[in-house]
C-alpha atoms as a PDB file:
ATOM      1  CA  UNK A   1      -0.989   1.027  -9.847  1.00  0.00           C
ATOM      2  CA  UNK A   2      -4.156   2.513  -8.327  1.00  0.00           C
ATOM      3  CA  UNK A   3      -3.510   4.940  -5.504  1.00  0.00           C
ATOM      4  CA  UNK A   4      -5.937   4.352  -2.639  1.00  0.00           C
ATOM      5  CA  UNK A   5      -5.225   7.698  -0.972  1.00  0.00           C
ATOM      6  CA  UNK A   6      -2.500  10.189  -0.017  1.00  0.00           C
ATOM      7  CA  UNK A   7      -2.018  11.214   3.618  1.00  0.00           C
ATOM      8  CA  UNK A   8       0.659  13.565   5.027  1.00  0.00           C
ATOM      9  CA  UNK A   9       2.834  12.953   1.953  1.00  0.00           C
ATOM     10  CA  UNK A  10       2.489   9.147   2.052  1.00  0.00           C
ATOM     11  CA  UNK A  11       0.992   7.373  -0.939  1.00  0.00           C
ATOM     12  CA  UNK A  12      -1.056   4.210  -0.222  1.00  0.00           C
ATOM     13  CA  UNK A  13      -1.480   1.958  -3.264  1.00  0.00           C
ATOM     14  CA  UNK A  14      -1.878  -1.602  -4.503  1.00  0.00           C
ATOM     15  CA  UNK A  15      -1.170  -3.650  -7.604  1.00  0.00           C
ATOM     16  CA  UNK A  16      -4.332  -5.240  -8.998  1.00  0.00           C
ATOM     17  CA  UNK A  17      -2.786  -8.590  -9.999  1.00  0.00           C
ATOM     18  CA  UNK A  18      -0.355  -9.121  -7.149  1.00  0.00           C
ATOM     19  CA  UNK A  19       0.023 -12.167  -4.899  1.00  0.00           C
ATOM     20  CA  UNK A  20      -1.954 -13.110  -1.792  1.00  0.00           C
ATOM     21  CA  UNK A  21      -2.373 -12.236   1.057  1.00  0.00           C
ATOM     22  CA  UNK A  22      -4.099  -8.913   0.461  1.00  0.00           C
ATOM     23  CA  UNK A  23      -1.763  -6.031   1.260  1.00  0.00           C
ATOM     24  CA  UNK A  24      -1.192  -2.313   0.648  1.00  0.00           C
ATOM     25  CA  UNK A  25       2.079  -0.614  -0.259  1.00  0.00           C
ATOM     26  CA  UNK A  26       2.989   2.744   1.287  1.00  0.00           C
ATOM     27  CA  UNK A  27       5.622   5.067  -0.105  1.00  0.00           C
ATOM     28  CA  UNK A  28       6.869   8.397   1.185  1.00  0.00           C
ATOM     29  CA  UNK A  29       9.496  10.261   3.179  1.00  0.00           C
ATOM     30  CA  UNK A  30      12.258   8.362   1.349  1.00  0.00           C
ATOM     31  CA  UNK A  31      11.010   4.883   2.269  1.00  0.00           C
ATOM     32  CA  UNK A  32       8.585   2.117   1.398  1.00  0.00           C
ATOM     33  CA  UNK A  33       6.494  -0.345   3.445  1.00  0.00           C
ATOM     34  CA  UNK A  34       4.003  -3.135   2.863  1.00  0.00           C
ATOM     35  CA  UNK A  35       1.069  -3.730   5.220  1.00  0.00           C
ATOM     36  CA  UNK A  36      -0.700  -7.099   5.125  1.00  0.00           C
ATOM     37  CA  UNK A  37      -4.449  -7.235   5.701  1.00  0.00           C
ATOM     38  CA  UNK A  38      -5.244 -10.078   8.106  1.00  0.00           C
ATOM     39  CA  UNK A  39      -9.019  -9.542   8.139  1.00  0.00           C
ATOM     40  CA  UNK A  40      -9.285  -8.219  11.694  1.00  0.00           C
END
């Protein structure tokens, strides 16, 4: 999994062959999140 960047202890990454829509995973501080890119 390629890490896009690390910011204040949070790791932003993506999986190269994952499903649409385009999104980024964030992990840190004991939790995880997924942010969907809507093109705006």
